[in-house]
PDB file of N, CA and C in Angstrom:
ATOM      1  N   MET A   1     -26.196 -11.404 -15.620  1.00  0.00           N
ATOM      2  CA  MET A   1     -25.397 -12.604 -15.815  1.00  0.00           C
ATOM      3  C   MET A   1     -23.927 -12.206 -15.891  1.00  0.00           C
ATOM      4  N   LEU A   2     -23.091 -13.000 -15.272  1.00  0.00           N
ATOM      5  CA  LEU A   2     -21.655 -12.736 -15.230  1.00  0.00           C
ATOM      6  C   LEU A   2     -21.011 -13.106 -16.560  1.00  0.00           C
ATOM      7  N   ASN A   3     -20.357 -12.162 -17.185  1.00  0.00           N
ATOM      8  CA  ASN A   3     -19.652 -12.409 -18.433  1.00  0.00           C
ATOM      9  C   ASN A   3     -18.164 -12.435 -18.127  1.00  0.00           C
ATOM     10  N   LYS A   4     -17.604 -13.633 -18.021  1.00  0.00           N
ATOM     11  CA  LYS A   4     -16.198 -13.780 -17.632  1.00  0.00           C
ATOM     12  C   LYS A   4     -15.254 -13.159 -18.653  1.00  0.00           C
ATOM     13  N   GLU A   5     -15.612 -13.239 -19.923  1.00  0.00           N
ATOM     14  CA  GLU A   5     -14.740 -12.667 -20.945  1.00  0.00           C
ATOM     15  C   GLU A   5     -14.619 -11.157 -20.780  1.00  0.00           C
ATOM     16  N   THR A   6     -15.715 -10.495 -20.495  1.00  0.00           N
ATOM     17  CA  THR A   6     -15.692  -9.050 -20.289  1.00  0.00           C
ATOM     18  C   THR A   6     -14.960  -8.705 -19.002  1.00  0.00           C
ATOM     19  N   LEU A   7     -15.276  -9.420 -17.945  1.00  0.00           N
ATOM     20  CA  LEU A   7     -14.683  -9.147 -16.643  1.00  0.00           C
ATOM     21  C   LEU A   7     -13.171  -9.337 -16.663  1.00  0.00           C
ATOM     22  N   PHE A   8     -12.718 -10.492 -17.132  1.00  0.00           N
ATOM     23  CA  PHE A   8     -11.291 -10.786 -17.093  1.00  0.00           C
ATOM     24  C   PHE A   8     -10.545 -10.219 -18.294  1.00  0.00           C
ATOM     25  N   GLY A   9     -11.278  -9.844 -19.330  1.00  0.00           N
ATOM     26  CA  GLY A   9     -10.643  -9.226 -20.488  1.00  0.00           C
ATOM     27  C   GLY A   9      -9.956  -7.920 -20.143  1.00  0.00           C
ATOM     28  N   ARG A  10     -10.439  -7.273 -19.106  1.00  0.00           N
ATOM     29  CA  ARG A  10      -9.824  -6.017 -18.659  1.00  0.00           C
ATOM     30  C   ARG A  10      -8.399  -6.220 -18.155  1.00  0.00           C
ATOM     31  N   PHE A  11      -8.081  -7.441 -17.798  1.00  0.00           N
ATOM     32  CA  PHE A  11      -6.792  -7.706 -17.159  1.00  0.00           C
ATOM     33  C   PHE A  11      -5.853  -8.528 -18.030  1.00  0.00           C
ATOM     34  N   GLU A  12      -6.195  -8.741 -19.298  1.00  0.00           N
ATOM     35  CA  GLU A  12      -5.415  -9.660 -20.114  1.00  0.00           C
ATOM     36  C   GLU A  12      -3.962  -9.237 -20.297  1.00  0.00           C
ATOM     37  N   ASN A  13      -3.659  -7.964 -20.244  1.00  0.00           N
ATOM     38  CA  ASN A  13      -2.281  -7.514 -20.418  1.00  0.00           C
ATOM     39  C   ASN A  13      -1.544  -7.316 -19.101  1.00  0.00           C
ATOM     40  N   GLN A  14      -2.193  -7.612 -17.991  1.00  0.00           N
ATOM     41  CA  GLN A  14      -1.580  -7.400 -16.685  1.00  0.00           C
ATOM     42  C   GLN A  14      -0.572  -8.485 -16.338  1.00  0.00           C
ATOM     43  N   GLY A  15      -0.803  -9.694 -16.802  1.00  0.00           N
ATOM     44  CA  GLY A  15       0.090 -10.797 -16.479  1.00  0.00           C
ATOM     45  C   GLY A  15      -0.188 -11.343 -15.098  1.00  0.00           C
ATOM     46  N   PHE A  16       0.279 -12.528 -14.885  1.00  0.00           N
ATOM     47  CA  PHE A  16       0.137 -13.182 -13.600  1.00  0.00           C
ATOM     48  C   PHE A  16       1.519 -13.493 -13.066  1.00  0.00           C
ATOM     49  N   ILE A  17       1.561 -14.012 -11.872  1.00  0.00           N
ATOM     50  CA  ILE A  17       2.839 -14.355 -11.271  1.00  0.00           C
ATOM     51  C   ILE A  17       3.360 -15.614 -11.943  1.00  0.00           C
ATOM     52  N   LYS A  18       4.481 -15.480 -12.583  1.00  0.00           N
ATOM     53  CA  LYS A  18       5.100 -16.602 -13.272  1.00  0.00           C
ATOM     54  C   LYS A  18       6.104 -17.229 -12.313  1.00  0.00           C
ATOM     55  N   THR A  19       5.936 -18.499 -12.078  1.00  0.00           N
ATOM     56  CA  THR A  19       6.891 -19.178 -11.209  1.00  0.00           C
ATOM     57  C   THR A  19       7.562 -20.284 -12.001  1.00  0.00           C
ATOM     58  N   THR A  20       8.860 -20.295 -11.934  1.00  0.00           N
ATOM     59  CA  THR A  20       9.645 -21.330 -12.595  1.00  0.00           C
ATOM     60  C   THR A  20      10.753 -21.736 -11.650  1.00  0.00           C
ATOM     61  N   THR A  21      11.422 -22.795 -12.014  1.00  0.00           N
ATOM     62  CA  THR A  21      12.572 -23.210 -11.229  1.00  0.00           C
ATOM     63  C   THR A  21      13.695 -22.216 -11.472  1.00  0.00           C
ATOM     64  N   ARG A  22      14.293 -21.752 -10.407  1.00  0.00           N
ATOM     65  CA  ARG A  22      15.392 -20.802 -10.536  1.00  0.00           C
ATOM     66  C   ARG A  22      16.632 -21.525 -11.049  1.00  0.00           C
ATOM     67  N   PRO A  23      17.448 -20.828 -11.834  1.00  0.00           N
ATOM     68  CA  PRO A  23      18.692 -21.456 -12.282  1.00  0.00           C
ATOM     69  C   PRO A  23      19.600 -21.715 -11.088  1.00  0.00           C
ATOM     70  N   GLU A  24      20.395 -22.740 -11.208  1.00  0.00           N
ATOM     71  CA  GLU A  24      21.324 -23.040 -10.115  1.00  0.00           C
ATOM     72  C   GLU A  24      22.505 -22.088 -10.201  1.00  0.00           C
ATOM     73  N   LEU A  25      22.704 -21.365  -9.130  1.00  0.00           N
ATOM     74  CA  LEU A  25      23.803 -20.411  -9.039  1.00  0.00           C
ATOM     75  C   LEU A  25      24.635 -20.761  -7.823  1.00  0.00           C
ATOM     76  N   ASP A  26      25.952 -20.649  -7.977  1.00  0.00           N
ATOM     77  CA  ASP A  26      26.775 -20.876  -6.793  1.00  0.00           C
ATOM     78  C   ASP A  26      26.720 -19.614  -5.932  1.00  0.00           C
ATOM     79  N   PRO A  27      27.088 -19.734  -4.656  1.00  0.00           N
ATOM     80  CA  PRO A  27      26.975 -18.585  -3.739  1.00  0.00           C
ATOM     81  C   PRO A  27      27.705 -17.327  -4.218  1.00  0.00           C
ATOM     82  N   VAL A  28      28.843 -17.498  -4.857  1.00  0.00           N
ATOM     83  CA  VAL A  28      29.600 -16.336  -5.339  1.00  0.00           C
ATOM     84  C   VAL A  28      28.819 -15.619  -6.440  1.00  0.00           C
ATOM     85  N   GLN A  29      28.229 -16.388  -7.352  1.00  0.00           N
ATOM     86  CA  GLN A  29      27.424 -15.787  -8.419  1.00  0.00           C
ATOM     87  C   GLN A  29      26.229 -15.033  -7.842  1.00  0.00           C
ATOM     88  N   LYS A  30      25.580 -15.644  -6.844  1.00  0.00           N
ATOM     89  CA  LYS A  30      24.421 -14.995  -6.222  1.00  0.00           C
ATOM     90  C   LYS A  30      24.804 -13.658  -5.597  1.00  0.00           C
ATOM     91  N   VAL A  31      25.908 -13.649  -4.871  1.00  0.00           N
ATOM     92  CA  VAL A  31      26.357 -12.413  -4.218  1.00  0.00           C
ATOM     93  C   VAL A  31      26.650 -11.345  -5.263  1.00  0.00           C
ATOM     94  N   GLN A  32      27.349 -11.728  -6.329  1.00  0.00           N
ATOM     95  CA  GLN A  32      27.681 -10.761  -7.379  1.00  0.00           C
ATOM     96  C   GLN A  32      26.420 -10.218  -8.050  1.00  0.00           C
ATOM     97  N   LEU A  33      25.494 -11.113  -8.358  1.00  0.00           N
ATOM     98  CA  LEU A  33      24.253 -10.680  -8.995  1.00  0.00           C
ATOM     99  C   LEU A  33      23.424  -9.796  -8.064  1.00  0.00           C
ATOM    100  N   ASN A  34      23.337 -10.171  -6.791  1.00  0.00           N
ATOM    101  CA  ASN A  34      22.568  -9.358  -5.842  1.00  0.00           C
ATOM    102  C   ASN A  34      23.173  -7.966  -5.679  1.00  0.00           C
ATOM    103  N   ARG A  35      24.494  -7.889  -5.672  1.00  0.00           N
ATOM    104  CA  ARG A  35      25.149  -6.570  -5.599  1.00  0.00           C
ATOM    105  C   ARG A  35      24.807  -5.741  -6.830  1.00  0.00           C
ATOM    106  N   ARG A  36      24.841  -6.399  -7.983  1.00  0.00           N
ATOM    107  CA  ARG A  36      24.500  -5.700  -9.227  1.00  0.00           C
ATOM    108  C   ARG A  36      23.029  -5.253  -9.196  1.00  0.00           C
ATOM    109  N   GLY A  37      22.159  -6.123  -8.701  1.00  0.00           N
ATOM    110  CA  GLY A  37      20.748  -5.766  -8.575  1.00  0.00           C
ATOM    111  C   GLY A  37      20.548  -4.572  -7.660  1.00  0.00           C
ATOM    112  N   ASN A  38      21.287  -4.535  -6.556  1.00  0.00           N
ATOM    113  CA  ASN A  38      21.206  -3.390  -5.635  1.00  0.00           C
ATOM    114  C   ASN A  38      21.672  -2.103  -6.313  1.00  0.00           C
ATOM    115  N   GLU A  39      22.750  -2.209  -7.094  1.00  0.00           N
ATOM    116  CA  GLU A  39      23.244  -1.038  -7.824  1.00  0.00           C
ATOM    117  C   GLU A  39      22.182  -0.528  -8.798  1.00  0.00           C
ATOM    118  N   LEU A  40      21.583  -1.462  -9.541  1.00  0.00           N
ATOM    119  CA  LEU A  40      20.554  -1.075 -10.504  1.00  0.00           C
ATOM    120  C   LEU A  40      19.359  -0.432  -9.804  1.00  0.00           C
ATOM    121  N   PHE A  41      18.937  -1.023  -8.696  1.00  0.00           N
ATOM    122  CA  PHE A  41      17.810  -0.471  -7.941  1.00  0.00           C
ATOM    123  C   PHE A  41      18.123   0.950  -7.485  1.00  0.00           C
ATOM    124  N   ASN A  42      19.314   1.143  -6.931  1.00  0.00           N
ATOM    125  CA  ASN A  42      19.706   2.466  -6.427  1.00  0.00           C
ATOM    126  C   ASN A  42      19.820   3.502  -7.541  1.00  0.00           C
ATOM    127  N   LYS A  43      20.122   3.052  -8.766  1.00  0.00           N
ATOM    128  CA  LYS A  43      20.205   3.956  -9.919  1.00  0.00           C
ATOM    129  C   LYS A  43      18.842   4.191 -10.559  1.00  0.00           C
ATOM    130  N   GLY A  44      17.825   3.471 -10.081  1.00  0.00           N
ATOM    131  CA  GLY A  44      16.485   3.653 -10.628  1.00  0.00           C
ATOM    132  C   GLY A  44      16.109   2.681 -11.730  1.00  0.00           C
ATOM    133  N   ASP A  45      16.984   1.712 -12.025  1.00  0.00           N
ATOM    134  CA  ASP A  45      16.667   0.692 -13.032  1.00  0.00           C
ATOM    135  C   ASP A  45      15.896  -0.430 -12.337  1.00  0.00           C
ATOM    136  N   ILE A  46      14.621  -0.191 -12.113  1.00  0.00           N
ATOM    137  CA  ILE A  46      13.782  -1.105 -11.341  1.00  0.00           C
ATOM    138  C   ILE A  46      13.613  -2.434 -12.066  1.00  0.00           C
ATOM    139  N   LYS A  47      13.366  -2.383 -13.369  1.00  0.00           N
ATOM    140  CA  LYS A  47      13.158  -3.626 -14.130  1.00  0.00           C
ATOM    141  C   LYS A  47      14.426  -4.478 -14.160  1.00  0.00           C
ATOM    142  N   GLY A  48      15.576  -3.848 -14.288  1.00  0.00           N
ATOM    143  CA  GLY A  48      16.839  -4.588 -14.268  1.00  0.00           C
ATOM    144  C   GLY A  48      17.061  -5.258 -12.924  1.00  0.00           C
ATOM    145  N   ALA A  49      16.810  -4.519 -11.853  1.00  0.00           N
ATOM    146  CA  ALA A  49      16.942  -5.077 -10.505  1.00  0.00           C
ATOM    147  C   ALA A  49      15.946  -6.207 -10.301  1.00  0.00           C
ATOM    148  N   GLU A  50      14.732  -6.020 -10.805  1.00  0.00           N
ATOM    149  CA  GLU A  50      13.695  -7.041 -10.655  1.00  0.00           C
ATOM    150  C   GLU A  50      14.112  -8.356 -11.313  1.00  0.00           C
ATOM    151  N   ARG A  51      14.638  -8.275 -12.531  1.00  0.00           N
ATOM    152  CA  ARG A  51      15.080  -9.497 -13.226  1.00  0.00           C
ATOM    153  C   ARG A  51      16.127 -10.240 -12.403  1.00  0.00           C
ATOM    154  N   ILE A  52      17.060  -9.499 -11.850  1.00  0.00           N
ATOM    155  CA  ILE A  52      18.127 -10.129 -11.069  1.00  0.00           C
ATOM    156  C   ILE A  52      17.579 -10.722  -9.778  1.00  0.00           C
ATOM    157  N   PHE A  53      16.788  -9.966  -9.040  1.00  0.00           N
ATOM    158  CA  PHE A  53      16.284 -10.446  -7.751  1.00  0.00           C
ATOM    159  C   PHE A  53      15.357 -11.645  -7.910  1.00  0.00           C
ATOM    160  N   ILE A  54      14.579 -11.672  -8.977  1.00  0.00           N
ATOM    161  CA  ILE A  54      13.738 -12.847  -9.225  1.00  0.00           C
ATOM    162  C   ILE A  54      14.613 -14.049  -9.554  1.00  0.00           C
ATOM    163  N   THR A  55      15.649 -13.835 -10.358  1.00  0.00           N
ATOM    164  CA  THR A  55      16.550 -14.927 -10.735  1.00  0.00           C
ATOM    165  C   THR A  55      17.253 -15.518  -9.524  1.00  0.00           C
ATOM    166  N   THR A  56      17.724 -14.652  -8.633  1.00  0.00           N
ATOM    167  CA  THR A  56      18.483 -15.135  -7.478  1.00  0.00           C
ATOM    168  C   THR A  56      17.595 -15.495  -6.295  1.00  0.00           C
ATOM    169  N   GLY A  57      16.348 -15.018  -6.311  1.00  0.00           N
ATOM    170  CA  GLY A  57      15.455 -15.261  -5.182  1.00  0.00           C
ATOM    171  C   GLY A  57      15.826 -14.447  -3.955  1.00  0.00           C
ATOM    172  N   TYR A  58      16.438 -13.292  -4.170  1.00  0.00           N
ATOM    173  CA  TYR A  58      16.919 -12.434  -3.087  1.00  0.00           C
ATOM    174  C   TYR A  58      15.740 -11.762  -2.386  1.00  0.00           C
ATOM    175  N   SER A  59      15.360 -12.300  -1.240  1.00  0.00           N
ATOM    176  CA  SER A  59      14.160 -11.850  -0.525  1.00  0.00           C
ATOM    177  C   SER A  59      14.187 -10.367  -0.187  1.00  0.00           C
ATOM    178  N   ASP A  60      15.291  -9.879   0.353  1.00  0.00           N
ATOM    179  CA  ASP A  60      15.359  -8.463   0.730  1.00  0.00           C
ATOM    180  C   ASP A  60      15.160  -7.558  -0.481  1.00  0.00           C
ATOM    181  N   GLY A  61      15.763  -7.935  -1.596  1.00  0.00           N
ATOM    182  CA  GLY A  61      15.602  -7.154  -2.820  1.00  0.00           C
ATOM    183  C   GLY A  61      14.172  -7.192  -3.327  1.00  0.00           C
ATOM    184  N   LEU A  62      13.553  -8.369  -3.280  1.00  0.00           N
ATOM    185  CA  LEU A  62      12.165  -8.505  -3.725  1.00  0.00           C
ATOM    186  C   LEU A  62      11.225  -7.677  -2.852  1.00  0.00           C
ATOM    187  N   ILE A  63      11.484  -7.665  -1.560  1.00  0.00           N
ATOM    188  CA  ILE A  63      10.655  -6.871  -0.643  1.00  0.00           C
ATOM    189  C   ILE A  63      10.833  -5.376  -0.922  1.00  0.00           C
ATOM    190  N   ARG A  64      12.068  -4.943  -1.163  1.00  0.00           N
ATOM    191  CA  ARG A  64      12.292  -3.527  -1.490  1.00  0.00           C
ATOM    192  C   ARG A  64      11.576  -3.146  -2.779  1.00  0.00           C
ATOM    193  N   LEU A  65      11.603  -4.066  -3.760  1.00  0.00           N
ATOM    194  CA  LEU A  65      10.864  -3.815  -4.998  1.00  0.00           C
ATOM    195  C   LEU A  65       9.365  -3.713  -4.719  1.00  0.00           C
ATOM    196  N   GLY A  66       8.862  -4.621  -3.878  1.00  0.00           N
ATOM    197  CA  GLY A  66       7.449  -4.573  -3.510  1.00  0.00           C
ATOM    198  C   GLY A  66       7.088  -3.256  -2.855  1.00  0.00           C
ATOM    199  N   ASP A  67       7.937  -2.798  -1.952  1.00  0.00           N
ATOM    200  CA  ASP A  67       7.700  -1.511  -1.288  1.00  0.00           C
ATOM    201  C   ASP A  67       7.697  -0.364  -2.306  1.00  0.00           C
ATOM    202  N   TRP A  68       8.628  -0.433  -3.267  1.00  0.00           N
ATOM    203  CA  TRP A  68       8.708   0.604  -4.293  1.00  0.00           C
ATOM    204  C   TRP A  68       7.439   0.606  -5.147  1.00  0.00           C
ATOM    205  N   TYR A  69       7.021  -0.585  -5.605  1.00  0.00           N
ATOM    206  CA  TYR A  69       5.802  -0.676  -6.416  1.00  0.00           C
ATOM    207  C   TYR A  69       4.583  -0.191  -5.629  1.00  0.00           C
ATOM    208  N   LEU A  70       4.512  -0.540  -4.361  1.00  0.00           N
ATOM    209  CA  LEU A  70       3.386  -0.103  -3.532  1.00  0.00           C
ATOM    210  C   LEU A  70       3.348   1.425  -3.434  1.00  0.00           C
ATOM    211  N   ALA A  71       4.508   2.036  -3.252  1.00  0.00           N
ATOM    212  CA  ALA A  71       4.588   3.499  -3.177  1.00  0.00           C
ATOM    213  C   ALA A  71       4.163   4.153  -4.494  1.00  0.00           C
ATOM    214  N   GLN A  72       4.326   3.433  -5.600  1.00  0.00           N
ATOM    215  CA  GLN A  72       3.922   3.933  -6.917  1.00  0.00           C
ATOM    216  C   GLN A  72       2.451   3.656  -7.208  1.00  0.00           C
ATOM    217  N   GLY A  73       1.776   2.968  -6.286  1.00  0.00           N
ATOM    218  CA  GLY A  73       0.369   2.628  -6.487  1.00  0.00           C
ATOM    219  C   GLY A  73       0.160   1.403  -7.357  1.00  0.00           C
ATOM    220  N   LYS A  74       1.195   0.622  -7.573  1.00  0.00           N
ATOM    221  CA  LYS A  74       1.125  -0.577  -8.416  1.00  0.00           C
ATOM    222  C   LYS A  74       0.981  -1.803  -7.514  1.00  0.00           C
ATOM    223  N   HIS A  75      -0.240  -2.003  -7.035  1.00  0.00           N
ATOM    224  CA  HIS A  75      -0.493  -3.028  -6.025  1.00  0.00           C
ATOM    225  C   HIS A  75      -0.261  -4.447  -6.526  1.00  0.00           C
ATOM    226  N   LEU A  76      -0.627  -4.739  -7.760  1.00  0.00           N
ATOM    227  CA  LEU A  76      -0.441  -6.089  -8.283  1.00  0.00           C
ATOM    228  C   LEU A  76       1.043  -6.434  -8.403  1.00  0.00           C
ATOM    229  N   GLU A  77       1.844  -5.487  -8.877  1.00  0.00           N
ATOM    230  CA  GLU A  77       3.284  -5.709  -8.970  1.00  0.00           C
ATOM    231  C   GLU A  77       3.899  -5.864  -7.580  1.00  0.00           C
ATOM    232  N   ALA A  78       3.424  -5.063  -6.628  1.00  0.00           N
ATOM    233  CA  ALA A  78       3.910  -5.173  -5.249  1.00  0.00           C
ATOM    234  C   ALA A  78       3.585  -6.548  -4.685  1.00  0.00           C
ATOM    235  N   LEU A  79       2.362  -7.003  -4.907  1.00  0.00           N
ATOM    236  CA  LEU A  79       1.963  -8.329  -4.428  1.00  0.00           C
ATOM    237  C   LEU A  79       2.850  -9.406  -5.023  1.00  0.00           C
ATOM    238  N   LYS A  80       3.146  -9.291  -6.300  1.00  0.00           N
ATOM    239  CA  LYS A  80       4.015 -10.274  -6.958  1.00  0.00           C
ATOM    240  C   LYS A  80       5.364 -10.355  -6.246  1.00  0.00           C
ATOM    241  N   MET A  81       5.956  -9.220  -5.950  1.00  0.00           N
ATOM    242  CA  MET A  81       7.270  -9.208  -5.298  1.00  0.00           C
ATOM    243  C   MET A  81       7.187  -9.785  -3.882  1.00  0.00           C
ATOM    244  N   TYR A  82       6.150  -9.394  -3.135  1.00  0.00           N
ATOM    245  CA  TYR A  82       5.993  -9.918  -1.776  1.00  0.00           C
ATOM    246  C   TYR A  82       5.749 -11.425  -1.802  1.00  0.00           C
ATOM    247  N   TRP A  83       4.986 -11.880  -2.779  1.00  0.00           N
ATOM    248  CA  TRP A  83       4.675 -13.311  -2.888  1.00  0.00           C
ATOM    249  C   TRP A  83       5.939 -14.107  -3.191  1.00  0.00           C
ATOM    250  N   LEU A  84       6.764 -13.581  -4.086  1.00  0.00           N
ATOM    251  CA  LEU A  84       7.990 -14.283  -4.456  1.00  0.00           C
ATOM    252  C   LEU A  84       9.037 -14.225  -3.352  1.00  0.00           C
ATOM    253  N   ALA A  85       8.954 -13.234  -2.457  1.00  0.00           N
ATOM    254  CA  ALA A  85       9.989 -13.028  -1.434  1.00  0.00           C
ATOM    255  C   ALA A  85      10.212 -14.211  -0.490  1.00  0.00           C
ATOM    256  N   PRO A  86       9.334 -14.933   0.064  1.00  0.00           N
ATOM    257  CA  PRO A  86       7.928 -14.667   0.363  1.00  0.00           C
ATOM    258  C   PRO A  86       7.794 -13.868   1.659  1.00  0.00           C
ATOM    259  N   ASP A  87       6.869 -12.920   1.650  1.00  0.00           N
ATOM    260  CA  ASP A  87       6.603 -12.097   2.831  1.00  0.00           C
ATOM    261  C   ASP A  87       5.088 -12.014   3.022  1.00  0.00           C
ATOM    262  N   LYS A  88       4.550 -12.978   3.766  1.00  0.00           N
ATOM    263  CA  LYS A  88       3.101 -13.051   3.973  1.00  0.00           C
ATOM    264  C   LYS A  88       2.561 -11.816   4.683  1.00  0.00           C
ATOM    265  N   LYS A  89       3.337 -11.274   5.599  1.00  0.00           N
ATOM    266  CA  LYS A  89       2.882 -10.117   6.376  1.00  0.00           C
ATOM    267  C   LYS A  89       2.558  -8.932   5.458  1.00  0.00           C
ATOM    268  N   LYS A  90       3.340  -8.749   4.411  1.00  0.00           N
ATOM    269  CA  LYS A  90       3.092  -7.650   3.481  1.00  0.00           C
ATOM    270  C   LYS A  90       2.134  -8.057   2.363  1.00  0.00           C
ATOM    271  N   ALA A  91       2.106  -9.345   2.019  1.00  0.00           N
ATOM    272  CA  ALA A  91       1.249  -9.812   0.925  1.00  0.00           C
ATOM    273  C   ALA A  91      -0.221  -9.872   1.327  1.00  0.00           C
ATOM    274  N   GLU A  92      -0.507 -10.318   2.545  1.00  0.00           N
ATOM    275  CA  GLU A  92      -1.897 -10.554   2.948  1.00  0.00           C
ATOM    276  C   GLU A  92      -2.801  -9.319   2.861  1.00  0.00           C
ATOM    277  N   PRO A  93      -2.376  -8.137   3.310  1.00  0.00           N
ATOM    278  CA  PRO A  93      -3.264  -6.973   3.162  1.00  0.00           C
ATOM    279  C   PRO A  93      -3.577  -6.651   1.692  1.00  0.00           C
ATOM    280  N   LEU A  94      -2.599  -6.870   0.820  1.00  0.00           N
ATOM    281  CA  LEU A  94      -2.840  -6.622  -0.603  1.00  0.00           C
ATOM    282  C   LEU A  94      -3.787  -7.659  -1.184  1.00  0.00           C
ATOM    283  N   ILE A  95      -3.642  -8.904  -0.755  1.00  0.00           N
ATOM    284  CA  ILE A  95      -4.540  -9.961  -1.215  1.00  0.00           C
ATOM    285  C   ILE A  95      -5.971  -9.618  -0.817  1.00  0.00           C
ATOM    286  N   GLU A  96      -6.158  -9.178   0.419  1.00  0.00           N
ATOM    287  CA  GLU A  96      -7.495  -8.801   0.891  1.00  0.00           C
ATOM    288  C   GLU A  96      -8.058  -7.632   0.080  1.00  0.00           C
ATOM    289  N   LYS A  97      -7.224  -6.655  -0.186  1.00  0.00           N
ATOM    290  CA  LYS A  97      -7.661  -5.484  -0.945  1.00  0.00           C
ATOM    291  C   LYS A  97      -8.045  -5.872  -2.377  1.00  0.00           C
ATOM    292  N   LEU A  98      -7.220  -6.699  -3.016  1.00  0.00           N
ATOM    293  CA  LEU A  98      -7.508  -7.127  -4.382  1.00  0.00           C
ATOM    294  C   LEU A  98      -8.721  -8.051  -4.437  1.00  0.00           C
ATOM    295  N   ALA A  99      -8.902  -8.889  -3.416  1.00  0.00           N
ATOM    296  CA  ALA A  99     -10.079  -9.762  -3.364  1.00  0.00           C
ATOM    297  C   ALA A  99     -11.355  -8.927  -3.271  1.00  0.00           C
ATOM    298  N   ALA A 100     -11.322  -7.870  -2.471  1.00  0.00           N
ATOM    299  CA  ALA A 100     -12.486  -6.983  -2.353  1.00  0.00           C
ATOM    300  C   ALA A 100     -12.774  -6.295  -3.687  1.00  0.00           C
ATOM    301  N   LEU A 101     -11.721  -5.904  -4.388  1.00  0.00           N
ATOM    302  CA  LEU A 101     -11.891  -5.273  -5.696  1.00  0.00           C
ATOM    303  C   LEU A 101     -12.520  -6.249  -6.690  1.00  0.00           C
ATOM    304  N   ILE A 102     -12.045  -7.481  -6.697  1.00  0.00           N
ATOM    305  CA  ILE A 102     -12.591  -8.498  -7.602  1.00  0.00           C
ATOM    306  C   ILE A 102     -14.052  -8.769  -7.274  1.00  0.00           C
ATOM    307  N   GLN A 103     -14.376  -8.857  -5.981  1.00  0.00           N
ATOM    308  CA  GLN A 103     -15.774  -9.063  -5.585  1.00  0.00           C
ATOM    309  C   GLN A 103     -16.655  -7.927  -6.096  1.00  0.00           C
ATOM    310  N   LYS A 104     -16.157  -6.710  -6.002  1.00  0.00           N
ATOM    311  CA  LYS A 104     -16.922  -5.557  -6.486  1.00  0.00           C
ATOM    312  C   LYS A 104     -17.106  -5.637  -7.997  1.00  0.00           C
ATOM    313  N   LEU A 105     -16.056  -6.000  -8.724  1.00  0.00           N
ATOM    314  CA  LEU A 105     -16.159  -6.112 -10.180  1.00  0.00           C
ATOM    315  C   LEU A 105     -17.166  -7.183 -10.583  1.00  0.00           C
ATOM    316  N   VAL A 106     -17.124  -8.318  -9.901  1.00  0.00           N
ATOM    317  CA  VAL A 106     -18.060  -9.402 -10.198  1.00  0.00           C
ATOM    318  C   VAL A 106     -19.486  -8.949  -9.909  1.00  0.00           C
ATOM    319  N   LYS A 107     -19.668  -8.285  -8.789  1.00  0.00           N
ATOM    320  CA  LYS A 107     -20.997  -7.802  -8.408  1.00  0.00           C
ATOM    321  C   LYS A 107     -21.520  -6.793  -9.434  1.00  0.00           C
ATOM    322  N   ASP A 108     -20.636  -5.891  -9.885  1.00  0.00           N
ATOM    323  CA  ASP A 108     -21.031  -4.898 -10.886  1.00  0.00           C
ATOM    324  C   ASP A 108     -21.391  -5.556 -12.215  1.00  0.00           C
ATOM    325  N   GLU A 109     -20.684  -6.616 -12.582  1.00  0.00           N
ATOM    326  CA  GLU A 109     -20.961  -7.327 -13.833  1.00  0.00           C
ATOM    327  C   GLU A 109     -22.289  -8.064 -13.775  1.00  0.00           C
ATOM    328  N   GLU A 110     -22.681  -8.497 -12.588  1.00  0.00           N
ATOM    329  CA  GLU A 110     -23.927  -9.243 -12.433  1.00  0.00           C
ATOM    330  C   GLU A 110     -25.149  -8.350 -12.574  1.00  0.00           C
ATOM    331  N   LYS A 111     -24.977  -7.049 -12.423  1.00  0.00           N
ATOM    332  CA  LYS A 111     -26.106  -6.102 -12.487  1.00  0.00           C
ATOM    333  C   LYS A 111     -26.607  -5.928 -13.893  1.00  0.00           C
TER     334      LYS A 111
END
């Protein structure tokens, strides 16, 4: 029998993709923030860059973050960045991979 609490309890601290309305920024603010996000990314402050790129909706920055997370083996974080970018071409293979993993987990729980 499938125990959803056990199955999904493994992921309770992983978080999901949070979507909210982005703050209204004028073009000058967006450019300044995106430049700052690029600086942070290049210095290795990934979380700082992520906060900025999510706030501004900077697709190129979000995709670079997704690529970085993917290279680190953090597929869920990579998917989040690709989804927010939005970049279906990069998101779809990860969705398929994660769906297969979930199917395997469900199947294992049913045993």
